[in-house]
Amino acid sequence: MEVREPSAKYLARPAYKQTEVGVIPEDWQVARLRELSPKQSVGLVINPSSYFDRNGSVPMLVGSNIGPNRIDWESANRITEESNRQISASRLSTGDLVTVRVGEPGITAVVPRELDGCNCASVMIVRKGKSFDSRWLCYVMNSPTGISQIENVQYGTAQKQFNISDAVNFVYPFPPLPEQQAIAEALSDADALIESLEQLLAKKRQIKQGAMQELLTGQKRLPGFAGEWEETTLGVIAERIVGGGTPSRNNPQYWNGSIPWMTVKDFANFSLSGTLEYITKDGLESSASNLVPSGTLITSTRMAIGKAVIFEVDVCINQDLKAIYLRKDIDPDFLYFWFQFNESRIAGLGSGSTVMGISLPGLKKVRFLKPGHAEQTAIATVLSDMDAELAALEDKLAKARDLKQGMMQELLTGRIRLV
């Protein structure tokens, strides 16, 4: 195994030592997986579907049910108690670890109490042992130290996988049991925070979806608004709808300029005021592309049909996009949320044998329910506030995940000691 370059920052301390897994505390050891766990094996190797039974009560775990430090056992297929007794070699106990072998090799989770006695197929089983805390070992196996060893031995093109004979010789920094438990507790707390934020974010997204269902269809009116909504079409509410184009790739003078040029790939980053590519003034003038002013709604009519954005800067667009210039009685932010809510409906109008698309006449015919301008603005404000709350939660969740990654790097290598 390749020895990592020592870090002077830590080697300068007498309490640290250089090992084959890097610099670790002097009182830590280096241990192979087969030395830690009393037994490592593979779950049921034959096709598990022959055991599946709608009337079964025992979950049969496969790789797709396993995530980092978590098991989605509710979605697992079931087998009967009789089948579970017949294939006892792959039965799991509380505290065992299961590792994905095929697909996303190396992803590991601990078997919780509620899954004691369940079964598994085509995953690596690491049996619990007295010398290690199962949660700690799970974090180590999911860390860069663990995953990198999987990547060094995995094989396959369509689906990556690894052999147990290689995995049993993986080496890990091995602290004393009390420190393992302290590390596991700290990282479990970080996971609990992440999970709570994920659940809150999912709940807030559902609330927003419900609000769009009520507010964008007129099922629920905001206080102070009354009157009938007008049923019309996108073609009627638009002063004009403009398409785009692509400058010739054969002329380098058209590219790497200062004008943002947008494709549907840029939709995911539209709030960043930037695109993946830029064109020159000559590129703009020589092509069918159009410069779209900031604040204009842009939608995709090919591939991601019905997706819409409003860019914060002037951009050019390619031939798969359409810029909708609206009448003065239409709030562009209201229309943006309307597209969000109706995306699947618009996508369902697409046609094509290889790549789905919707024609300009077809886009203009899409039905649109129009409230008064003041009510449009009020609805857009409510939904924008929800988006701001979601963005704040997403940022908090991203920071929590980054914090946990930093904790793993420090705690699992002994750079920060908890005991």
Protein backbone atom coordinates (compact mmCIF):
# COMPACT_ATOMS: atom_id res chain seq x y z
CA MET A 1 0.00 0.00 0.00
CA GLU A 2 1.24 3.47 -0.86
CA VAL A 3 2.39 5.43 2.19
CA ARG A 4 1.00 8.93 2.40
CA GLU A 5 3.37 11.85 2.71
CA PRO A 6 3.72 12.81 6.38
CA SER A 7 2.33 16.13 7.49
CA ALA A 8 4.95 18.16 9.33
CA LYS A 9 2.14 19.86 11.23
CA TYR A 10 1.35 16.61 13.00
CA LEU A 11 4.69 14.78 12.91
CA ALA A 12 6.16 17.68 14.85
CA ARG A 13 4.04 16.56 17.78
CA PRO A 14 5.43 13.66 19.80
CA ALA A 15 1.89 12.33 20.31
CA TYR A 16 1.52 11.43 16.61
CA LYS A 17 3.12 8.80 14.39
CA GLN A 18 3.39 8.00 10.68
CA THR A 19 1.59 4.84 9.53
CA GLU A 20 0.47 3.28 6.26
CA VAL A 21 -2.84 5.15 6.58
CA GLY A 22 -1.18 8.48 7.35
CA VAL A 23 -0.35 10.38 10.52
CA ILE A 24 -2.40 9.17 13.52
CA PRO A 25 -2.18 9.51 17.32
CA GLU A 26 0.46 7.36 19.01
CA ASP A 27 -2.12 5.48 21.05
CA TRP A 28 -4.10 4.51 17.93
CA GLN A 29 -3.46 1.32 15.97
CA VAL A 30 -3.84 0.34 12.31
CA ALA A 31 -6.15 -2.62 11.77
CA ARG A 32 -7.42 -4.59 8.80
CA LEU A 33 -11.14 -5.23 8.42
CA ARG A 34 -10.66 -8.97 8.96
CA GLU A 35 -8.88 -8.21 12.25
CA LEU A 36 -11.69 -5.98 13.48
CA SER A 37 -14.74 -8.03 12.57
CA PRO A 38 -15.16 -11.69 13.57
CA LYS A 39 -16.61 -12.51 10.13
CA GLN A 40 -17.13 -10.93 6.71
CA SER A 41 -19.36 -12.52 4.09
CA VAL A 42 -21.69 -11.88 1.18
CA GLY A 43 -25.46 -11.79 1.40
CA LEU A 44 -27.58 -14.17 -0.65
CA VAL A 45 -25.79 -14.52 -4.00
CA ILE A 46 -28.58 -16.04 -6.08
CA ASN A 47 -31.41 -13.91 -7.49
CA PRO A 48 -33.40 -12.92 -4.36
CA SER A 49 -36.63 -12.44 -6.33
CA SER A 50 -37.33 -16.17 -6.06
CA TYR A 51 -37.84 -15.61 -2.32
CA PHE A 52 -39.95 -12.44 -2.56
CA ASP A 53 -43.46 -12.86 -1.22
CA ARG A 54 -46.23 -10.24 -1.00
CA ASN A 55 -47.38 -11.85 2.21
CA GLY A 56 -43.88 -11.93 3.70
CA SER A 57 -42.96 -9.85 6.74
CA VAL A 58 -39.14 -9.99 6.71
CA PRO A 59 -37.31 -7.24 4.77
CA MET A 60 -34.76 -8.46 2.19
CA LEU A 61 -32.16 -5.70 1.85
CA VAL A 62 -30.30 -5.08 -1.40
CA GLY A 63 -27.83 -2.38 -2.41
CA SER A 64 -30.51 0.11 -3.45
CA ASN A 65 -31.91 0.09 0.12
CA ILE A 66 -28.57 1.17 1.61
CA GLY A 67 -27.34 4.75 1.90
CA PRO A 68 -24.47 6.30 3.89
CA ASN A 69 -25.27 5.54 7.54
CA ARG A 70 -28.93 4.81 6.76
CA ILE A 71 -31.16 1.98 5.50
CA ASP A 72 -34.42 2.55 3.63
CA TRP A 73 -35.96 -0.70 4.76
CA GLU A 74 -39.59 0.30 4.22
CA SER A 75 -39.09 0.10 0.44
CA ALA A 76 -37.38 -3.30 0.62
CA ASN A 77 -39.07 -6.42 -0.74
CA ARG A 78 -40.29 -8.97 1.80
CA ILE A 79 -39.74 -12.67 2.31
CA THR A 80 -41.52 -15.09 4.62
CA GLU A 81 -40.26 -16.24 8.02
CA GLU A 82 -39.82 -19.74 6.55
CA SER A 83 -37.60 -18.43 3.74
CA ASN A 84 -35.64 -16.40 6.27
CA ARG A 85 -34.90 -19.57 8.23
CA GLN A 86 -33.81 -21.41 5.08
CA ILE A 87 -31.21 -18.77 4.17
CA SER A 88 -29.91 -18.15 7.68
CA ALA A 89 -26.33 -17.45 6.53
CA SER A 90 -27.38 -14.05 5.21
CA ARG A 91 -29.54 -13.08 8.17
CA LEU A 92 -28.53 -9.86 9.88
CA SER A 93 -28.28 -8.88 13.52
CA THR A 94 -28.41 -5.51 15.22
CA GLY A 95 -25.00 -3.86 14.96
CA ASP A 96 -23.89 -5.72 11.83
CA LEU A 97 -22.76 -3.56 8.92
CA VAL A 98 -23.94 -3.91 5.33
CA THR A 99 -21.93 -2.51 2.41
CA VAL A 100 -23.11 -2.00 -1.16
CA ARG A 101 -21.13 -4.21 -3.53
CA VAL A 102 -22.68 -3.40 -6.92
CA GLY A 103 -23.70 0.02 -8.23
CA GLU A 104 -22.29 2.40 -5.61
CA PRO A 105 -19.61 0.20 -4.02
CA GLY A 106 -18.55 0.98 -0.49
CA ILE A 107 -21.68 2.73 0.82
CA THR A 108 -22.19 1.34 4.32
CA ALA A 109 -24.89 1.37 7.01
CA VAL A 110 -25.41 -0.21 10.42
CA VAL A 111 -28.31 -2.63 10.95
CA PRO A 112 -30.67 -0.99 13.49
CA ARG A 113 -32.69 -2.80 16.15
CA GLU A 114 -35.88 -2.79 14.09
CA LEU A 115 -34.12 -4.84 11.39
CA ASP A 116 -32.69 -7.48 13.72
CA GLY A 117 -33.16 -10.85 12.01
CA CYS A 118 -33.85 -9.49 8.52
CA ASN A 119 -32.05 -10.77 5.43
CA CYS A 120 -29.94 -9.38 2.59
CA ALA A 121 -28.70 -10.19 -0.89
CA SER A 122 -25.53 -9.31 -2.82
CA VAL A 123 -24.09 -6.97 -0.19
CA MET A 124 -21.04 -7.37 2.03
CA ILE A 125 -21.87 -8.26 5.62
CA VAL A 126 -19.44 -7.14 8.33
CA ARG A 127 -20.42 -8.84 11.57
CA LYS A 128 -20.34 -6.76 14.75
CA GLY A 129 -17.44 -7.31 17.14
CA LYS A 130 -16.50 -6.52 20.72
CA SER A 131 -13.44 -4.45 19.81
CA PHE A 132 -15.24 -1.77 17.79
CA ASP A 133 -18.27 0.46 17.86
CA SER A 134 -20.36 -0.37 14.78
CA ARG A 135 -21.36 3.26 14.22
CA TRP A 136 -17.70 4.33 14.31
CA LEU A 137 -16.66 1.67 11.78
CA CYS A 138 -19.56 2.69 9.54
CA TYR A 139 -18.35 6.29 9.52
CA VAL A 140 -14.79 5.16 8.75
CA MET A 141 -15.93 2.95 5.87
CA ASN A 142 -17.98 5.83 4.42
CA SER A 143 -15.11 8.30 4.84
CA PRO A 144 -12.59 9.15 2.08
CA THR A 145 -10.20 6.67 3.73
CA GLY A 146 -12.73 3.87 3.29
CA ILE A 147 -14.16 4.78 -0.10
CA SER A 148 -10.71 5.32 -1.67
CA GLN A 149 -9.76 1.73 -0.82
CA ILE A 150 -12.92 0.49 -2.52
CA GLU A 151 -12.13 2.57 -5.60
CA ASN A 152 -8.65 1.01 -5.80
CA VAL A 153 -10.04 -2.52 -6.17
CA GLN A 154 -13.43 -2.05 -7.84
CA TYR A 155 -13.98 -3.32 -11.38
CA GLY A 156 -16.66 -3.35 -14.05
CA THR A 157 -17.81 -0.90 -16.70
CA ALA A 158 -21.61 -0.84 -16.63
CA GLN A 159 -21.76 -1.40 -12.86
CA LYS A 160 -18.84 -1.09 -10.49
CA GLN A 161 -18.31 -3.77 -7.86
CA PHE A 162 -15.63 -5.28 -5.64
CA ASN A 163 -14.61 -8.64 -4.20
CA ILE A 164 -14.85 -9.50 -0.51
CA SER A 165 -11.37 -11.03 -0.70
CA ASP A 166 -10.00 -7.55 -1.32
CA ALA A 167 -12.22 -5.78 1.19
CA VAL A 168 -11.17 -7.90 4.16
CA ASN A 169 -7.65 -6.45 3.85
CA PHE A 170 -8.72 -2.79 3.90
CA VAL A 171 -6.87 -0.93 6.66
CA TYR A 172 -8.25 1.73 8.97
CA PRO A 173 -6.91 3.94 11.78
CA PHE A 174 -8.13 2.25 14.95
CA PRO A 175 -8.61 4.28 18.17
CA PRO A 176 -9.43 2.80 21.58
CA LEU A 177 -13.07 1.79 22.04
CA PRO A 178 -14.05 4.74 24.32
CA GLU A 179 -12.80 7.19 21.69
CA GLN A 180 -14.60 5.29 18.93
CA GLN A 181 -17.82 5.67 20.90
CA ALA A 182 -17.22 9.39 21.47
CA ILE A 183 -16.49 9.93 17.76
CA ALA A 184 -19.60 7.97 16.77
CA GLU A 185 -21.72 10.00 19.18
CA ALA A 186 -20.47 13.33 17.80
CA LEU A 187 -21.02 12.30 14.19
CA SER A 188 -24.43 10.82 15.04
CA ASP A 189 -25.44 14.20 16.47
CA ALA A 190 -24.33 15.82 13.20
CA ASP A 191 -26.37 13.28 11.24
CA ALA A 192 -29.40 13.95 13.43
CA LEU A 193 -29.15 17.68 12.66
CA ILE A 194 -28.85 16.96 8.92
CA GLU A 195 -31.84 14.60 9.01
CA SER A 196 -33.98 17.13 10.88
CA LEU A 197 -33.12 19.82 8.33
CA GLU A 198 -33.89 17.43 5.45
CA GLN A 199 -37.28 16.63 6.97
CA LEU A 200 -38.06 20.31 7.56
CA LEU A 201 -37.01 21.17 4.01
CA ALA A 202 -39.23 18.41 2.60
CA LYS A 203 -42.15 19.67 4.69
CA LYS A 204 -41.64 23.26 3.54
CA ARG A 205 -41.49 22.14 -0.10
CA GLN A 206 -44.79 20.31 0.34
CA ILE A 207 -46.31 23.43 1.90
CA LYS A 208 -45.15 25.52 -1.06
CA GLN A 209 -46.54 22.97 -3.51
CA GLY A 210 -49.87 23.12 -1.72
CA ALA A 211 -49.81 26.92 -1.76
CA MET A 212 -49.17 26.92 -5.52
CA GLN A 213 -52.07 24.49 -6.02
CA GLU A 214 -54.42 26.84 -4.17
CA LEU A 215 -53.13 30.27 -5.20
CA LEU A 216 -52.33 29.66 -8.88
CA THR A 217 -55.66 28.01 -9.63
CA GLY A 218 -57.90 30.38 -7.67
CA GLN A 219 -58.95 27.67 -5.20
CA LYS A 220 -57.89 30.00 -2.41
CA ARG A 221 -57.88 33.80 -2.66
CA LEU A 222 -55.62 36.10 -0.71
CA PRO A 223 -57.41 38.56 1.63
CA GLY A 224 -58.69 41.67 -0.11
CA PHE A 225 -59.05 40.16 -3.59
CA ALA A 226 -62.23 39.23 -5.41
CA GLY A 227 -63.50 39.08 -8.95
CA GLU A 228 -63.39 36.49 -11.69
CA TRP A 229 -60.16 35.28 -13.25
CA GLU A 230 -59.85 35.46 -17.03
CA GLU A 231 -59.24 32.25 -18.96
CA THR A 232 -56.83 32.98 -21.80
CA THR A 233 -53.63 31.57 -23.42
CA LEU A 234 -49.90 32.21 -23.29
CA GLY A 235 -50.10 33.59 -26.81
CA VAL A 236 -52.58 36.24 -25.72
CA ILE A 237 -50.73 37.41 -22.59
CA ALA A 238 -47.45 37.72 -24.52
CA GLU A 239 -46.65 40.72 -26.67
CA ARG A 240 -44.22 38.47 -28.52
CA ILE A 241 -42.31 35.22 -28.04
CA VAL A 242 -38.74 35.18 -29.35
CA GLY A 243 -36.48 32.21 -30.05
CA GLY A 244 -32.70 31.96 -30.25
CA GLY A 245 -29.84 30.34 -32.09
CA THR A 246 -26.24 29.11 -31.92
CA PRO A 247 -23.29 30.89 -33.53
CA SER A 248 -21.12 28.70 -35.74
CA ARG A 249 -18.75 26.57 -33.72
CA ASN A 250 -16.31 26.66 -36.63
CA ASN A 251 -15.56 30.36 -36.15
CA PRO A 252 -13.53 31.04 -32.97
CA GLN A 253 -14.25 34.78 -33.32
CA TYR A 254 -17.83 34.08 -32.27
CA TRP A 255 -16.96 32.50 -28.92
CA ASN A 256 -15.32 33.31 -25.57
CA GLY A 257 -16.61 36.88 -25.61
CA SER A 258 -18.43 38.82 -22.89
CA ILE A 259 -22.10 38.11 -23.74
CA PRO A 260 -23.69 35.27 -21.71
CA TRP A 261 -25.14 32.61 -24.03
CA MET A 262 -27.74 30.40 -22.43
CA THR A 263 -28.91 26.84 -23.01
CA VAL A 264 -31.19 24.64 -20.90
CA LYS A 265 -28.06 23.41 -19.08
CA ASP A 266 -27.82 26.84 -17.45
CA PHE A 267 -31.29 26.63 -15.89
CA ALA A 268 -29.93 25.02 -12.73
CA ASN A 269 -27.62 28.00 -12.13
CA PHE A 270 -29.87 30.78 -13.31
CA SER A 271 -29.73 32.64 -9.99
CA LEU A 272 -25.95 32.94 -10.26
CA SER A 273 -26.15 35.56 -13.03
CA GLY A 274 -23.84 33.53 -15.24
CA THR A 275 -23.87 30.92 -17.98
CA LEU A 276 -21.57 28.13 -19.08
CA GLU A 277 -20.56 29.83 -22.34
CA TYR A 278 -20.10 33.34 -23.67
CA ILE A 279 -20.22 34.69 -27.21
CA THR A 280 -18.93 37.82 -28.92
CA LYS A 281 -20.90 40.64 -30.54
CA ASP A 282 -19.99 39.15 -33.94
CA GLY A 283 -21.35 35.79 -32.77
CA LEU A 284 -24.63 37.40 -31.74
CA GLU A 285 -25.03 39.32 -34.99
CA SER A 286 -24.13 36.33 -37.17
CA SER A 287 -26.64 33.91 -35.61
CA ALA A 288 -30.34 33.63 -34.88
CA SER A 289 -29.67 34.19 -31.18
CA ASN A 290 -31.30 37.15 -29.47
CA LEU A 291 -30.18 39.30 -26.55
CA VAL A 292 -32.87 38.97 -23.89
CA PRO A 293 -33.13 41.73 -21.26
CA SER A 294 -32.84 40.81 -17.59
CA GLY A 295 -36.17 40.16 -15.92
CA THR A 296 -37.61 38.43 -18.98
CA LEU A 297 -39.08 34.96 -18.53
CA ILE A 298 -37.29 32.31 -20.57
CA THR A 299 -38.69 28.82 -21.07
CA SER A 300 -37.44 25.63 -22.68
CA THR A 301 -39.36 24.18 -25.62
CA ARG A 302 -37.05 21.21 -26.20
CA MET A 303 -35.78 18.50 -23.82
CA ALA A 304 -36.67 20.09 -20.45
CA ILE A 305 -40.02 21.30 -21.79
CA GLY A 306 -41.84 23.73 -19.52
CA LYS A 307 -38.93 24.70 -17.28
CA ALA A 308 -38.64 28.45 -16.88
CA VAL A 309 -36.19 30.97 -15.45
CA ILE A 310 -35.81 34.70 -15.08
CA PHE A 311 -32.18 35.73 -15.43
CA GLU A 312 -30.74 38.63 -13.46
CA VAL A 313 -28.62 39.84 -16.39
CA ASP A 314 -29.08 40.26 -20.14
CA VAL A 315 -28.43 36.93 -21.89
CA CYS A 316 -28.51 35.39 -25.35
CA ILE A 317 -30.46 32.17 -25.86
CA ASN A 318 -30.10 29.17 -28.11
CA GLN A 319 -32.70 27.60 -30.40
CA ASP A 320 -34.19 25.35 -27.68
CA LEU A 321 -35.36 28.33 -25.62
CA LYS A 322 -38.05 30.98 -25.98
CA ALA A 323 -38.15 34.42 -24.36
CA ILE A 324 -41.68 35.56 -23.49
CA TYR A 325 -42.16 39.33 -23.61
CA LEU A 326 -45.28 40.03 -21.57
CA ARG A 327 -48.07 42.55 -21.69
CA LYS A 328 -47.95 45.18 -18.95
CA ASP A 329 -50.85 43.56 -17.07
CA ILE A 330 -48.83 40.35 -16.48
CA ASP A 331 -46.39 40.08 -13.57
CA PRO A 332 -43.34 38.07 -14.78
CA ASP A 333 -42.75 36.60 -11.31
CA PHE A 334 -46.32 35.32 -11.22
CA LEU A 335 -45.80 33.71 -14.63
CA TYR A 336 -42.54 32.15 -13.38
CA PHE A 337 -44.37 30.40 -10.53
CA TRP A 338 -47.18 29.50 -12.93
CA PHE A 339 -44.63 27.68 -15.12
CA GLN A 340 -43.21 25.94 -12.05
CA PHE A 341 -46.63 24.62 -11.16
CA ASN A 342 -47.63 23.69 -14.73
CA GLU A 343 -44.30 22.29 -15.90
CA SER A 344 -45.48 18.67 -16.13
CA ARG A 345 -48.67 19.71 -17.96
CA ILE A 346 -46.69 21.67 -20.56
CA ALA A 347 -44.14 18.85 -20.89
CA GLY A 348 -47.03 16.48 -21.63
CA LEU A 349 -47.84 18.52 -24.73
CA GLY A 350 -44.45 17.79 -26.27
CA SER A 351 -43.95 15.49 -29.23
CA GLY A 352 -41.05 13.89 -31.09
CA SER A 353 -39.51 10.51 -31.73
CA THR A 354 -36.02 11.06 -30.29
CA VAL A 355 -36.08 14.41 -28.45
CA MET A 356 -39.37 15.79 -27.18
CA GLY A 357 -40.30 19.37 -28.01
CA ILE A 358 -43.20 21.77 -28.23
CA SER A 359 -43.71 24.09 -31.19
CA LEU A 360 -44.18 27.83 -30.88
CA PRO A 361 -47.85 27.59 -32.00
CA GLY A 362 -48.34 24.82 -29.46
CA LEU A 363 -46.79 26.94 -26.70
CA LYS A 364 -49.04 29.88 -27.56
CA LYS A 365 -52.14 27.68 -27.23
CA VAL A 366 -51.39 26.65 -23.63
CA ARG A 367 -54.32 27.72 -21.45
CA PHE A 368 -53.64 30.34 -18.78
CA LEU A 369 -55.88 31.49 -15.93
CA LYS A 370 -55.23 35.19 -15.31
CA PRO A 371 -56.10 37.09 -12.12
CA GLY A 372 -55.80 40.87 -11.88
CA HIS A 373 -52.31 42.37 -11.90
CA ALA A 374 -52.38 43.33 -8.21
CA GLU A 375 -53.42 39.81 -7.22
CA GLN A 376 -50.70 38.34 -9.44
CA THR A 377 -48.11 40.44 -7.63
CA ALA A 378 -49.48 39.48 -4.20
CA ILE A 379 -49.40 35.77 -5.07
CA ALA A 380 -45.86 36.06 -6.46
CA THR A 381 -44.77 37.80 -3.25
CA VAL A 382 -46.14 35.01 -1.06
CA LEU A 383 -44.43 32.33 -3.16
CA SER A 384 -41.19 34.34 -3.35
CA ASP A 385 -41.12 34.53 0.45
CA MET A 386 -41.52 30.75 0.55
CA ASP A 387 -38.65 30.38 -1.91
CA ALA A 388 -36.48 32.62 0.27
CA GLU A 389 -37.25 30.42 3.29
CA LEU A 390 -36.44 27.30 1.28
CA ALA A 391 -33.16 28.83 0.08
CA ALA A 392 -32.18 29.68 3.66
CA LEU A 393 -32.91 26.11 4.75
CA GLU A 394 -30.98 24.68 1.80
CA ASP A 395 -28.02 26.86 2.72
CA LYS A 396 -28.24 25.74 6.34
CA LEU A 397 -28.41 22.10 5.25
CA ALA A 398 -25.39 22.52 2.95
CA LYS A 399 -23.40 24.05 5.83
CA ALA A 400 -24.43 21.21 8.15
CA ARG A 401 -23.25 18.65 5.60
CA ASP A 402 -19.97 20.50 5.13
CA LEU A 403 -19.52 20.67 8.90
CA LYS A 404 -20.05 16.93 9.20
CA GLN A 405 -17.50 16.25 6.44
CA GLY A 406 -15.00 18.42 8.27
CA MET A 407 -15.72 16.62 11.53
CA MET A 408 -15.20 13.25 9.87
CA GLN A 409 -11.85 14.36 8.45
CA GLU A 410 -10.66 15.63 11.84
CA LEU A 411 -12.14 13.04 14.20
CA LEU A 412 -11.56 9.85 12.18
CA THR A 413 -7.88 10.69 11.69
CA GLY A 414 -7.26 11.83 15.26
CA ARG A 415 -6.42 15.42 14.38
CA ILE A 416 -9.06 16.38 16.94
CA ARG A 417 -9.30 14.20 20.04
CA LEU A 418 -12.51 13.71 21.97
CA VAL A 419 -10.96 11.60 24.74
